[in-house]
Amino acid sequence: MNERSRLITAFLPSGRATGVLERLRKEHGLSSMAYHHARGIGTGTRRGRNTFVSTEREVITVLVPDAQADEIFRIIYYAAGLNAPNTGLVFMERVLRMSAMIEPEAGTKTETD
């Protein structure tokens, strides 16, 4: 594909990624998506400056055509609830090349079969 693309990455509260990705698949036909879990430790919370706080997030990445990028970004932002304070983060970057993930059709054999 020589189409210009964007990679959208979002850090979401745990439990929200599958719902957001399923919506993008059903409503917008996107298939080049993935998610994983992440854990980290932060400092400087309401509990005090020297307190360490562990947090868990889900990280999603979505490869989208440039023409749909702003719309998909907006959908992720609101569907994941990132418009609430201290919820997560979403950013978008240009991709030089892309290759969409294409699912094999049912009943077709692959080289490993």
PDB file of N, CA and C in Angstrom:
ATOM      1  N   MET A   1       0.838  -1.184   0.000  1.00  0.00           N
ATOM      2  CA  MET A   1       0.000   0.000   0.000  1.00  0.00           C
ATOM      3  C   MET A   1       0.884   1.249   0.000  1.00  0.00           C
ATOM      4  N   ASN A   2       0.613   2.182  -0.849  1.00  0.00           N
ATOM      5  CA  ASN A   2       1.350   3.427  -0.890  1.00  0.00           C
ATOM      6  C   ASN A   2       0.561   4.563  -0.257  1.00  0.00           C
ATOM      7  N   GLU A   3      -0.480   4.220   0.434  1.00  0.00           N
ATOM      8  CA  GLU A   3      -1.347   5.190   1.066  1.00  0.00           C
ATOM      9  C   GLU A   3      -0.669   5.770   2.313  1.00  0.00           C
ATOM     10  N   ARG A   4      -0.790   7.064   2.528  1.00  0.00           N
ATOM     11  CA  ARG A   4      -0.239   7.683   3.737  1.00  0.00           C
ATOM     12  C   ARG A   4      -1.049   7.220   4.941  1.00  0.00           C
ATOM     13  N   SER A   5      -0.355   7.045   6.052  1.00  0.00           N
ATOM     14  CA  SER A   5      -1.000   6.478   7.230  1.00  0.00           C
ATOM     15  C   SER A   5      -0.571   7.192   8.492  1.00  0.00           C
ATOM     16  N   ARG A   6      -1.313   6.920   9.554  1.00  0.00           N
ATOM     17  CA  ARG A   6      -0.997   7.421  10.886  1.00  0.00           C
ATOM     18  C   ARG A   6      -1.074   6.258  11.864  1.00  0.00           C
ATOM     19  N   LEU A   7      -0.237   6.306  12.865  1.00  0.00           N
ATOM     20  CA  LEU A   7      -0.272   5.330  13.942  1.00  0.00           C
ATOM     21  C   LEU A   7      -0.769   6.054  15.179  1.00  0.00           C
ATOM     22  N   ILE A   8      -1.877   5.589  15.718  1.00  0.00           N
ATOM     23  CA  ILE A   8      -2.452   6.187  16.920  1.00  0.00           C
ATOM     24  C   ILE A   8      -2.158   5.253  18.078  1.00  0.00           C
ATOM     25  N   THR A   9      -1.590   5.795  19.144  1.00  0.00           N
ATOM     26  CA  THR A   9      -1.263   5.036  20.347  1.00  0.00           C
ATOM     27  C   THR A   9      -1.993   5.684  21.515  1.00  0.00           C
ATOM     28  N   ALA A  10      -2.627   4.856  22.344  1.00  0.00           N
ATOM     29  CA  ALA A  10      -3.363   5.387  23.497  1.00  0.00           C
ATOM     30  C   ALA A  10      -3.079   4.543  24.731  1.00  0.00           C
ATOM     31  N   PHE A  11      -2.913   5.217  25.863  1.00  0.00           N
ATOM     32  CA  PHE A  11      -2.749   4.579  27.163  1.00  0.00           C
ATOM     33  C   PHE A  11      -4.071   4.749  27.897  1.00  0.00           C
ATOM     34  N   LEU A  12      -4.756   3.638  28.148  1.00  0.00           N
ATOM     35  CA  LEU A  12      -6.100   3.663  28.709  1.00  0.00           C
ATOM     36  C   LEU A  12      -6.139   3.001  30.083  1.00  0.00           C
ATOM     37  N   PRO A  13      -7.133   3.348  30.896  1.00  0.00           N
ATOM     38  CA  PRO A  13      -7.334   2.599  32.129  1.00  0.00           C
ATOM     39  C   PRO A  13      -7.634   1.132  31.797  1.00  0.00           C
ATOM     40  N   SER A  14      -7.248   0.235  32.668  1.00  0.00           N
ATOM     41  CA  SER A  14      -7.471  -1.202  32.442  1.00  0.00           C
ATOM     42  C   SER A  14      -8.936  -1.506  32.211  1.00  0.00           C
ATOM     43  N   GLY A  15      -9.195  -2.398  31.259  1.00  0.00           N
ATOM     44  CA  GLY A  15     -10.545  -2.851  30.980  1.00  0.00           C
ATOM     45  C   GLY A  15     -11.266  -2.123  29.861  1.00  0.00           C
ATOM     46  N   ARG A  16     -10.640  -1.133  29.255  1.00  0.00           N
ATOM     47  CA  ARG A  16     -11.326  -0.355  28.219  1.00  0.00           C
ATOM     48  C   ARG A  16     -10.879  -0.672  26.791  1.00  0.00           C
ATOM     49  N   ALA A  17      -9.739  -1.293  26.615  1.00  0.00           N
ATOM     50  CA  ALA A  17      -9.157  -1.468  25.278  1.00  0.00           C
ATOM     51  C   ALA A  17     -10.008  -2.335  24.363  1.00  0.00           C
ATOM     52  N   THR A  18     -10.476  -3.477  24.828  1.00  0.00           N
ATOM     53  CA  THR A  18     -11.207  -4.374  23.929  1.00  0.00           C
ATOM     54  C   THR A  18     -12.490  -3.740  23.415  1.00  0.00           C
ATOM     55  N   GLY A  19     -13.186  -2.989  24.246  1.00  0.00           N
ATOM     56  CA  GLY A  19     -14.402  -2.315  23.809  1.00  0.00           C
ATOM     57  C   GLY A  19     -14.129  -1.275  22.740  1.00  0.00           C
ATOM     58  N   VAL A  20     -13.070  -0.499  22.920  1.00  0.00           N
ATOM     59  CA  VAL A  20     -12.706   0.534  21.940  1.00  0.00           C
ATOM     60  C   VAL A  20     -12.294  -0.112  20.616  1.00  0.00           C
ATOM     61  N   LEU A  21     -11.457  -1.143  20.677  1.00  0.00           N
ATOM     62  CA  LEU A  21     -10.992  -1.803  19.455  1.00  0.00           C
ATOM     63  C   LEU A  21     -12.130  -2.515  18.725  1.00  0.00           C
ATOM     64  N   GLU A  22     -13.025  -3.121  19.470  1.00  0.00           N
ATOM     65  CA  GLU A  22     -14.172  -3.790  18.852  1.00  0.00           C
ATOM     66  C   GLU A  22     -15.062  -2.775  18.127  1.00  0.00           C
ATOM     67  N   ARG A  23     -15.244  -1.623  18.732  1.00  0.00           N
ATOM     68  CA  ARG A  23     -16.042  -0.567  18.086  1.00  0.00           C
ATOM     69  C   ARG A  23     -15.382  -0.103  16.793  1.00  0.00           C
ATOM     70  N   LEU A  24     -14.071   0.075  16.809  1.00  0.00           N
ATOM     71  CA  LEU A  24     -13.355   0.499  15.596  1.00  0.00           C
ATOM     72  C   LEU A  24     -13.444  -0.555  14.503  1.00  0.00           C
ATOM     73  N   ARG A  25     -13.408  -1.820  14.891  1.00  0.00           N
ATOM     74  CA  ARG A  25     -13.509  -2.904  13.914  1.00  0.00           C
ATOM     75  C   ARG A  25     -14.893  -2.958  13.293  1.00  0.00           C
ATOM     76  N   LYS A  26     -15.932  -2.895  14.135  1.00  0.00           N
ATOM     77  CA  LYS A  26     -17.308  -3.014  13.645  1.00  0.00           C
ATOM     78  C   LYS A  26     -17.775  -1.791  12.872  1.00  0.00           C
ATOM     79  N   GLU A  27     -17.537  -0.602  13.420  1.00  0.00           N
ATOM     80  CA  GLU A  27     -18.079   0.620  12.832  1.00  0.00           C
ATOM     81  C   GLU A  27     -17.222   1.213  11.715  1.00  0.00           C
ATOM     82  N   HIS A  28     -15.900   0.924  11.727  1.00  0.00           N
ATOM     83  CA  HIS A  28     -15.020   1.579  10.754  1.00  0.00           C
ATOM     84  C   HIS A  28     -14.197   0.599   9.926  1.00  0.00           C
ATOM     85  N   GLY A  29     -14.377  -0.690  10.152  1.00  0.00           N
ATOM     86  CA  GLY A  29     -13.703  -1.699   9.348  1.00  0.00           C
ATOM     87  C   GLY A  29     -12.199  -1.765   9.518  1.00  0.00           C
ATOM     88  N   LEU A  30     -11.688  -1.269  10.634  1.00  0.00           N
ATOM     89  CA  LEU A  30     -10.240  -1.308  10.860  1.00  0.00           C
ATOM     90  C   LEU A  30      -9.821  -2.690  11.340  1.00  0.00           C
ATOM     91  N   SER A  31      -8.675  -3.152  10.856  1.00  0.00           N
ATOM     92  CA  SER A  31      -8.187  -4.456  11.296  1.00  0.00           C
ATOM     93  C   SER A  31      -6.739  -4.415  11.764  1.00  0.00           C
ATOM     94  N   SER A  32      -6.025  -3.337  11.502  1.00  0.00           N
ATOM     95  CA  SER A  32      -4.625  -3.230  11.913  1.00  0.00           C
ATOM     96  C   SER A  32      -4.548  -2.575  13.287  1.00  0.00           C
ATOM     97  N   MET A  33      -4.866  -3.387  14.308  1.00  0.00           N
ATOM     98  CA  MET A  33      -4.923  -2.887  15.683  1.00  0.00           C
ATOM     99  C   MET A  33      -4.316  -3.922  16.621  1.00  0.00           C
ATOM    100  N   ALA A  34      -3.821  -3.445  17.751  1.00  0.00           N
ATOM    101  CA  ALA A  34      -3.275  -4.357  18.760  1.00  0.00           C
ATOM    102  C   ALA A  34      -3.368  -3.680  20.127  1.00  0.00           C
ATOM    103  N   TYR A  35      -3.343  -4.499  21.181  1.00  0.00           N
ATOM    104  CA  TYR A  35      -3.251  -3.922  22.518  1.00  0.00           C
ATOM    105  C   TYR A  35      -2.468  -4.837  23.435  1.00  0.00           C
ATOM    106  N   HIS A  36      -1.921  -4.241  24.500  1.00  0.00           N
ATOM    107  CA  HIS A  36      -1.207  -4.993  25.521  1.00  0.00           C
ATOM    108  C   HIS A  36      -1.321  -4.264  26.851  1.00  0.00           C
ATOM    109  N   HIS A  37      -0.910  -4.923  27.897  1.00  0.00           N
ATOM    110  CA  HIS A  37      -0.962  -4.342  29.238  1.00  0.00           C
ATOM    111  C   HIS A  37       0.390  -3.730  29.583  1.00  0.00           C
ATOM    112  N   ALA A  38       0.344  -2.703  30.414  1.00  0.00           N
ATOM    113  CA  ALA A  38       1.571  -2.068  30.890  1.00  0.00           C
ATOM    114  C   ALA A  38       1.400  -1.742  32.368  1.00  0.00           C
ATOM    115  N   ARG A  39       2.489  -1.780  33.089  1.00  0.00           N
ATOM    116  CA  ARG A  39       2.473  -1.455  34.515  1.00  0.00           C
ATOM    117  C   ARG A  39       3.600  -0.482  34.777  1.00  0.00           C
ATOM    118  N   GLY A  40       3.360   0.474  35.650  1.00  0.00           N
ATOM    119  CA  GLY A  40       4.404   1.442  35.945  1.00  0.00           C
ATOM    120  C   GLY A  40       4.262   2.018  37.336  1.00  0.00           C
ATOM    121  N   ILE A  41       5.285   2.746  37.727  1.00  0.00           N
ATOM    122  CA  ILE A  41       5.291   3.382  39.046  1.00  0.00           C
ATOM    123  C   ILE A  41       5.502   4.865  38.836  1.00  0.00           C
ATOM    124  N   GLY A  42       4.662   5.656  39.473  1.00  0.00           N
ATOM    125  CA  GLY A  42       4.773   7.101  39.380  1.00  0.00           C
ATOM    126  C   GLY A  42       5.014   7.710  40.753  1.00  0.00           C
ATOM    127  N   THR A  43       5.436   8.941  40.773  1.00  0.00           N
ATOM    128  CA  THR A  43       5.653   9.659  42.034  1.00  0.00           C
ATOM    129  C   THR A  43       4.856  10.949  42.018  1.00  0.00           C
ATOM    130  N   GLY A  44       4.783  11.595  43.150  1.00  0.00           N
ATOM    131  CA  GLY A  44       4.174  12.915  43.223  1.00  0.00           C
ATOM    132  C   GLY A  44       2.662  12.907  43.120  1.00  0.00           C
ATOM    133  N   THR A  45       1.998  12.014  43.811  1.00  0.00           N
ATOM    134  CA  THR A  45       0.540  11.980  43.803  1.00  0.00           C
ATOM    135  C   THR A  45       0.006  12.702  45.032  1.00  0.00           C
ATOM    136  N   ARG A  46      -1.276  12.642  45.247  1.00  0.00           N
ATOM    137  CA  ARG A  46      -1.898  13.284  46.411  1.00  0.00           C
ATOM    138  C   ARG A  46      -1.422  12.676  47.724  1.00  0.00           C
ATOM    139  N   ARG A  47      -0.873  11.468  47.662  1.00  0.00           N
ATOM    140  CA  ARG A  47      -0.423  10.790  48.883  1.00  0.00           C
ATOM    141  C   ARG A  47       0.883  11.367  49.413  1.00  0.00           C
ATOM    142  N   GLY A  48       1.521  12.195  48.642  1.00  0.00           N
ATOM    143  CA  GLY A  48       2.773  12.797  49.088  1.00  0.00           C
ATOM    144  C   GLY A  48       3.836  12.712  48.016  1.00  0.00           C
ATOM    145  N   ARG A  49       4.797  13.613  48.068  1.00  0.00           N
ATOM    146  CA  ARG A  49       5.832  13.682  47.037  1.00  0.00           C
ATOM    147  C   ARG A  49       6.747  12.468  47.027  1.00  0.00           C
ATOM    148  N   ASN A  50       6.982  11.840  48.146  1.00  0.00           N
ATOM    149  CA  ASN A  50       7.921  10.728  48.218  1.00  0.00           C
ATOM    150  C   ASN A  50       7.229   9.366  48.194  1.00  0.00           C
ATOM    151  N   THR A  51       5.988   9.334  47.806  1.00  0.00           N
ATOM    152  CA  THR A  51       5.232   8.092  47.748  1.00  0.00           C
ATOM    153  C   THR A  51       5.242   7.541  46.327  1.00  0.00           C
ATOM    154  N   PHE A  52       5.489   6.248  46.206  1.00  0.00           N
ATOM    155  CA  PHE A  52       5.438   5.586  44.909  1.00  0.00           C
ATOM    156  C   PHE A  52       4.073   4.953  44.734  1.00  0.00           C
ATOM    157  N   VAL A  53       3.488   5.132  43.555  1.00  0.00           N
ATOM    158  CA  VAL A  53       2.169   4.593  43.272  1.00  0.00           C
ATOM    159  C   VAL A  53       2.261   3.729  42.016  1.00  0.00           C
ATOM    160  N   SER A  54       1.825   2.481  42.129  1.00  0.00           N
ATOM    161  CA  SER A  54       1.821   1.574  40.991  1.00  0.00           C
ATOM    162  C   SER A  54       0.500   1.721  40.245  1.00  0.00           C
ATOM    163  N   THR A  55       0.566   1.722  38.921  1.00  0.00           N
ATOM    164  CA  THR A  55      -0.643   1.836  38.119  1.00  0.00           C
ATOM    165  C   THR A  55      -0.578   0.852  36.953  1.00  0.00           C
ATOM    166  N   GLU A  56      -1.730   0.417  36.505  1.00  0.00           N
ATOM    167  CA  GLU A  56      -1.815  -0.520  35.384  1.00  0.00           C
ATOM    168  C   GLU A  56      -2.624   0.124  34.267  1.00  0.00           C
ATOM    169  N   ARG A  57      -2.168  -0.031  33.036  1.00  0.00           N
ATOM    170  CA  ARG A  57      -2.826   0.552  31.871  1.00  0.00           C
ATOM    171  C   ARG A  57      -2.915  -0.493  30.759  1.00  0.00           C
ATOM    172  N   GLU A  58      -3.774  -0.201  29.805  1.00  0.00           N
ATOM    173  CA  GLU A  58      -3.808  -0.951  28.552  1.00  0.00           C
ATOM    174  C   GLU A  58      -3.340   0.011  27.473  1.00  0.00           C
ATOM    175  N   VAL A  59      -2.513  -0.486  26.581  1.00  0.00           N
ATOM    176  CA  VAL A  59      -1.958   0.340  25.507  1.00  0.00           C
ATOM    177  C   VAL A  59      -2.496  -0.207  24.189  1.00  0.00           C
ATOM    178  N   ILE A  60      -3.136   0.666  23.414  1.00  0.00           N
ATOM    179  CA  ILE A  60      -3.622   0.242  22.102  1.00  0.00           C
ATOM    180  C   ILE A  60      -2.863   0.988  21.014  1.00  0.00           C
ATOM    181  N   THR A  61      -2.652   0.304  19.898  1.00  0.00           N
ATOM    182  CA  THR A  61      -2.068   0.926  18.716  1.00  0.00           C
ATOM    183  C   THR A  61      -2.979   0.609  17.539  1.00  0.00           C
ATOM    184  N   VAL A  62      -3.243   1.630  16.750  1.00  0.00           N
ATOM    185  CA  VAL A  62      -4.159   1.500  15.621  1.00  0.00           C
ATOM    186  C   VAL A  62      -3.509   2.150  14.407  1.00  0.00           C
ATOM    187  N   LEU A  63      -3.402   1.403  13.328  1.00  0.00           N
ATOM    188  CA  LEU A  63      -2.871   1.916  12.069  1.00  0.00           C
ATOM    189  C   LEU A  63      -4.055   2.327  11.200  1.00  0.00           C
ATOM    190  N   VAL A  64      -4.108   3.608  10.822  1.00  0.00           N
ATOM    191  CA  VAL A  64      -5.252   4.106  10.064  1.00  0.00           C
ATOM    192  C   VAL A  64      -4.788   4.905   8.847  1.00  0.00           C
ATOM    193  N   PRO A  65      -5.596   4.893   7.791  1.00  0.00           N
ATOM    194  CA  PRO A  65      -5.298   5.756   6.645  1.00  0.00           C
ATOM    195  C   PRO A  65      -5.354   7.223   7.073  1.00  0.00           C
ATOM    196  N   ASP A  66      -4.514   8.028   6.470  1.00  0.00           N
ATOM    197  CA  ASP A  66      -4.407   9.447   6.819  1.00  0.00           C
ATOM    198  C   ASP A  66      -5.756  10.162   6.781  1.00  0.00           C
ATOM    199  N   ALA A  67      -6.595   9.815   5.818  1.00  0.00           N
ATOM    200  CA  ALA A  67      -7.893  10.485   5.668  1.00  0.00           C
ATOM    201  C   ALA A  67      -8.822  10.242   6.858  1.00  0.00           C
ATOM    202  N   GLN A  68      -8.675   9.119   7.557  1.00  0.00           N
ATOM    203  CA  GLN A  68      -9.528   8.781   8.704  1.00  0.00           C
ATOM    204  C   GLN A  68      -8.895   9.127  10.040  1.00  0.00           C
ATOM    205  N   ALA A  69      -7.649   9.556  10.059  1.00  0.00           N
ATOM    206  CA  ALA A  69      -6.877   9.679  11.291  1.00  0.00           C
ATOM    207  C   ALA A  69      -7.526  10.580  12.345  1.00  0.00           C
ATOM    208  N   ASP A  70      -7.946  11.774  11.972  1.00  0.00           N
ATOM    209  CA  ASP A  70      -8.530  12.686  12.955  1.00  0.00           C
ATOM    210  C   ASP A  70      -9.827  12.134  13.534  1.00  0.00           C
ATOM    211  N   GLU A  71     -10.645  11.535  12.694  1.00  0.00           N
ATOM    212  CA  GLU A  71     -11.907  10.956  13.156  1.00  0.00           C
ATOM    213  C   GLU A  71     -11.660   9.804  14.140  1.00  0.00           C
ATOM    214  N   ILE A  72     -10.734   8.908  13.810  1.00  0.00           N
ATOM    215  CA  ILE A  72     -10.432   7.766  14.675  1.00  0.00           C
ATOM    216  C   ILE A  72      -9.799   8.239  15.976  1.00  0.00           C
ATOM    217  N   PHE A  73      -8.940   9.236  15.900  1.00  0.00           N
ATOM    218  CA  PHE A  73      -8.335   9.816  17.104  1.00  0.00           C
ATOM    219  C   PHE A  73      -9.428  10.312  18.057  1.00  0.00           C
ATOM    220  N   ARG A  74     -10.386  11.040  17.512  1.00  0.00           N
ATOM    221  CA  ARG A  74     -11.491  11.590  18.303  1.00  0.00           C
ATOM    222  C   ARG A  74     -12.337  10.471  18.910  1.00  0.00           C
ATOM    223  N   ILE A  75     -12.608   9.428  18.139  1.00  0.00           N
ATOM    224  CA  ILE A  75     -13.392   8.296  18.638  1.00  0.00           C
ATOM    225  C   ILE A  75     -12.678   7.618  19.802  1.00  0.00           C
ATOM    226  N   ILE A  76     -11.384   7.370  19.653  1.00  0.00           N
ATOM    227  CA  ILE A  76     -10.615   6.741  20.736  1.00  0.00           C
ATOM    228  C   ILE A  76     -10.638   7.622  21.979  1.00  0.00           C
ATOM    229  N   TYR A  77     -10.424   8.901  21.794  1.00  0.00           N
ATOM    230  CA  TYR A  77     -10.380   9.848  22.911  1.00  0.00           C
ATOM    231  C   TYR A  77     -11.665   9.798  23.743  1.00  0.00           C
ATOM    232  N   TYR A  78     -12.810   9.853  23.094  1.00  0.00           N
ATOM    233  CA  TYR A  78     -14.079   9.867  23.826  1.00  0.00           C
ATOM    234  C   TYR A  78     -14.555   8.467  24.226  1.00  0.00           C
ATOM    235  N   ALA A  79     -14.371   7.464  23.374  1.00  0.00           N
ATOM    236  CA  ALA A  79     -14.831   6.101  23.689  1.00  0.00           C
ATOM    237  C   ALA A  79     -14.072   5.519  24.872  1.00  0.00           C
ATOM    238  N   ALA A  80     -12.814   5.882  25.021  1.00  0.00           N
ATOM    239  CA  ALA A  80     -12.010   5.376  26.138  1.00  0.00           C
ATOM    240  C   ALA A  80     -12.155   6.233  27.389  1.00  0.00           C
ATOM    241  N   GLY A  81     -12.874   7.340  27.288  1.00  0.00           N
ATOM    242  CA  GLY A  81     -13.076   8.216  28.444  1.00  0.00           C
ATOM    243  C   GLY A  81     -11.862   9.051  28.794  1.00  0.00           C
ATOM    244  N   LEU A  82     -11.015   9.334  27.798  1.00  0.00           N
ATOM    245  CA  LEU A  82      -9.807  10.101  28.058  1.00  0.00           C
ATOM    246  C   LEU A  82     -10.077  11.589  28.252  1.00  0.00           C
ATOM    247  N   ASN A  83     -11.317  12.001  28.057  1.00  0.00           N
ATOM    248  CA  ASN A  83     -11.680  13.404  28.280  1.00  0.00           C
ATOM    249  C   ASN A  83     -11.816  13.725  29.766  1.00  0.00           C
ATOM    250  N   ALA A  84     -11.778  12.721  30.642  1.00  0.00           N
ATOM    251  CA  ALA A  84     -11.796  12.942  32.091  1.00  0.00           C
ATOM    252  C   ALA A  84     -10.356  13.172  32.568  1.00  0.00           C
ATOM    253  N   PRO A  85     -10.166  13.991  33.593  1.00  0.00           N
ATOM    254  CA  PRO A  85      -8.811  14.279  34.084  1.00  0.00           C
ATOM    255  C   PRO A  85      -8.091  13.019  34.587  1.00  0.00           C
ATOM    256  N   ASN A  86      -6.789  12.971  34.364  1.00  0.00           N
ATOM    257  CA  ASN A  86      -5.905  11.906  34.862  1.00  0.00           C
ATOM    258  C   ASN A  86      -6.325  10.508  34.429  1.00  0.00           C
ATOM    259  N   THR A  87      -6.879  10.386  33.230  1.00  0.00           N
ATOM    260  CA  THR A  87      -7.379   9.100  32.759  1.00  0.00           C
ATOM    261  C   THR A  87      -6.364   8.371  31.891  1.00  0.00           C
ATOM    262  N   GLY A  88      -5.725   9.074  30.974  1.00  0.00           N
ATOM    263  CA  GLY A  88      -4.793   8.431  30.068  1.00  0.00           C
ATOM    264  C   GLY A  88      -4.231   9.418  29.075  1.00  0.00           C
ATOM    265  N   LEU A  89      -3.738   8.873  27.978  1.00  0.00           N
ATOM    266  CA  LEU A  89      -3.036   9.685  26.994  1.00  0.00           C
ATOM    267  C   LEU A  89      -3.245   9.074  25.620  1.00  0.00           C
ATOM    268  N   VAL A  90      -3.370   9.908  24.606  1.00  0.00           N
ATOM    269  CA  VAL A  90      -3.453   9.418  23.226  1.00  0.00           C
ATOM    270  C   VAL A  90      -2.621  10.345  22.349  1.00  0.00           C
ATOM    271  N   PHE A  91      -1.864   9.757  21.426  1.00  0.00           N
ATOM    272  CA  PHE A  91      -1.092  10.573  20.484  1.00  0.00           C
ATOM    273  C   PHE A  91      -1.070   9.902  19.124  1.00  0.00           C
ATOM    274  N   MET A  92      -0.726  10.696  18.113  1.00  0.00           N
ATOM    275  CA  MET A  92      -0.762  10.227  16.735  1.00  0.00           C
ATOM    276  C   MET A  92       0.548  10.629  16.062  1.00  0.00           C
ATOM    277  N   GLU A  93       1.064   9.735  15.203  1.00  0.00           N
ATOM    278  CA  GLU A  93       2.291  10.038  14.477  1.00  0.00           C
ATOM    279  C   GLU A  93       2.207   9.545  13.047  1.00  0.00           C
ATOM    280  N   ARG A  94       2.995  10.150  12.176  1.00  0.00           N
ATOM    281  CA  ARG A  94       3.032   9.732  10.776  1.00  0.00           C
ATOM    282  C   ARG A  94       3.778   8.411  10.654  1.00  0.00           C
ATOM    283  N   VAL A  95       3.387   7.643   9.665  1.00  0.00           N
ATOM    284  CA  VAL A  95       4.044   6.378   9.370  1.00  0.00           C
ATOM    285  C   VAL A  95       4.562   6.459   7.941  1.00  0.00           C
ATOM    286  N   LEU A  96       5.810   6.086   7.741  1.00  0.00           N
ATOM    287  CA  LEU A  96       6.386   6.171   6.400  1.00  0.00           C
ATOM    288  C   LEU A  96       5.818   5.122   5.463  1.00  0.00           C
ATOM    289  N   ARG A  97       5.641   3.910   5.963  1.00  0.00           N
ATOM    290  CA  ARG A  97       5.074   2.825   5.160  1.00  0.00           C
ATOM    291  C   ARG A  97       4.139   2.020   6.023  1.00  0.00           C
ATOM    292  N   MET A  98       3.177   1.376   5.387  1.00  0.00           N
ATOM    293  CA  MET A  98       2.268   0.533   6.146  1.00  0.00           C
ATOM    294  C   MET A  98       1.931  -0.706   5.355  1.00  0.00           C
ATOM    295  N   SER A  99       1.560  -1.720   6.091  1.00  0.00           N
ATOM    296  CA  SER A  99       1.069  -2.941   5.490  1.00  0.00           C
ATOM    297  C   SER A  99      -0.078  -3.407   6.369  1.00  0.00           C
ATOM    298  N   ALA A 100      -1.268  -3.332   5.876  1.00  0.00           N
ATOM    299  CA  ALA A 100      -2.449  -3.684   6.666  1.00  0.00           C
ATOM    300  C   ALA A 100      -2.458  -5.164   6.997  1.00  0.00           C
ATOM    301  N   MET A 101      -2.989  -5.502   8.175  1.00  0.00           N
ATOM    302  CA  MET A 101      -3.169  -6.897   8.547  1.00  0.00           C
ATOM    303  C   MET A 101      -4.408  -7.404   7.825  1.00  0.00           C
ATOM    304  N   ILE A 102      -4.256  -8.478   7.090  1.00  0.00           N
ATOM    305  CA  ILE A 102      -5.382  -9.037   6.342  1.00  0.00           C
ATOM    306  C   ILE A 102      -5.636 -10.441   6.848  1.00  0.00           C
ATOM    307  N   GLU A 103      -6.852 -10.670   7.310  1.00  0.00           N
ATOM    308  CA  GLU A 103      -7.216 -11.987   7.812  1.00  0.00           C
ATOM    309  C   GLU A 103      -7.459 -12.926   6.648  1.00  0.00           C
ATOM    310  N   PRO A 104      -6.998 -14.189   6.755  1.00  0.00           N
ATOM    311  CA  PRO A 104      -7.272 -15.135   5.690  1.00  0.00           C
ATOM    312  C   PRO A 104      -8.760 -15.469   5.655  1.00  0.00           C
ATOM    313  N   GLU A 105      -9.267 -15.754   4.491  1.00  0.00           N
ATOM    314  CA  GLU A 105     -10.670 -16.112   4.362  1.00  0.00           C
ATOM    315  C   GLU A 105     -10.895 -17.499   4.929  1.00  0.00           C
ATOM    316  N   ALA A 106     -12.086 -17.729   5.458  1.00  0.00           N
ATOM    317  CA  ALA A 106     -12.421 -19.027   6.028  1.00  0.00           C
ATOM    318  C   ALA A 106     -12.330 -20.104   4.973  1.00  0.00           C
ATOM    319  N   GLY A 107     -11.716 -21.220   5.331  1.00  0.00           N
ATOM    320  CA  GLY A 107     -11.631 -22.342   4.409  1.00  0.00           C
ATOM    321  C   GLY A 107     -10.409 -22.321   3.510  1.00  0.00           C
ATOM    322  N   THR A 108      -9.598 -21.269   3.527  1.00  0.00           N
ATOM    323  CA  THR A 108      -8.399 -21.243   2.700  1.00  0.00           C
ATOM    324  C   THR A 108      -7.241 -21.810   3.489  1.00  0.00           C
ATOM    325  N   LYS A 109      -6.358 -22.499   2.803  1.00  0.00           N
ATOM    326  CA  LYS A 109      -5.197 -23.094   3.452  1.00  0.00           C
ATOM    327  C   LYS A 109      -4.038 -22.109   3.395  1.00  0.00           C
ATOM    328  N   THR A 110      -3.219 -22.163   4.440  1.00  0.00           N
ATOM    329  CA  THR A 110      -2.007 -21.349   4.478  1.00  0.00           C
ATOM    330  C   THR A 110      -0.806 -22.250   4.272  1.00  0.00           C
ATOM    331  N   GLU A 111       0.373 -21.667   4.176  1.00  0.00           N
ATOM    332  CA  GLU A 111       1.586 -22.454   3.959  1.00  0.00           C
ATOM    333  C   GLU A 111       1.868 -23.411   5.111  1.00  0.00           C
ATOM    334  N   THR A 112       1.401 -23.081   6.309  1.00  0.00           N
ATOM    335  CA  THR A 112       1.678 -23.935   7.472  1.00  0.00           C
ATOM    336  C   THR A 112       0.675 -25.062   7.616  1.00  0.00           C
ATOM    337  N   ASP A 113      -0.394 -25.062   6.841  1.00  0.00           N
ATOM    338  CA  ASP A 113      -1.409 -26.127   6.937  1.00  0.00           C
ATOM    339  C   ASP A 113      -0.932 -27.404   6.307  1.00  0.00           C
TER     340      ASP A 113
END
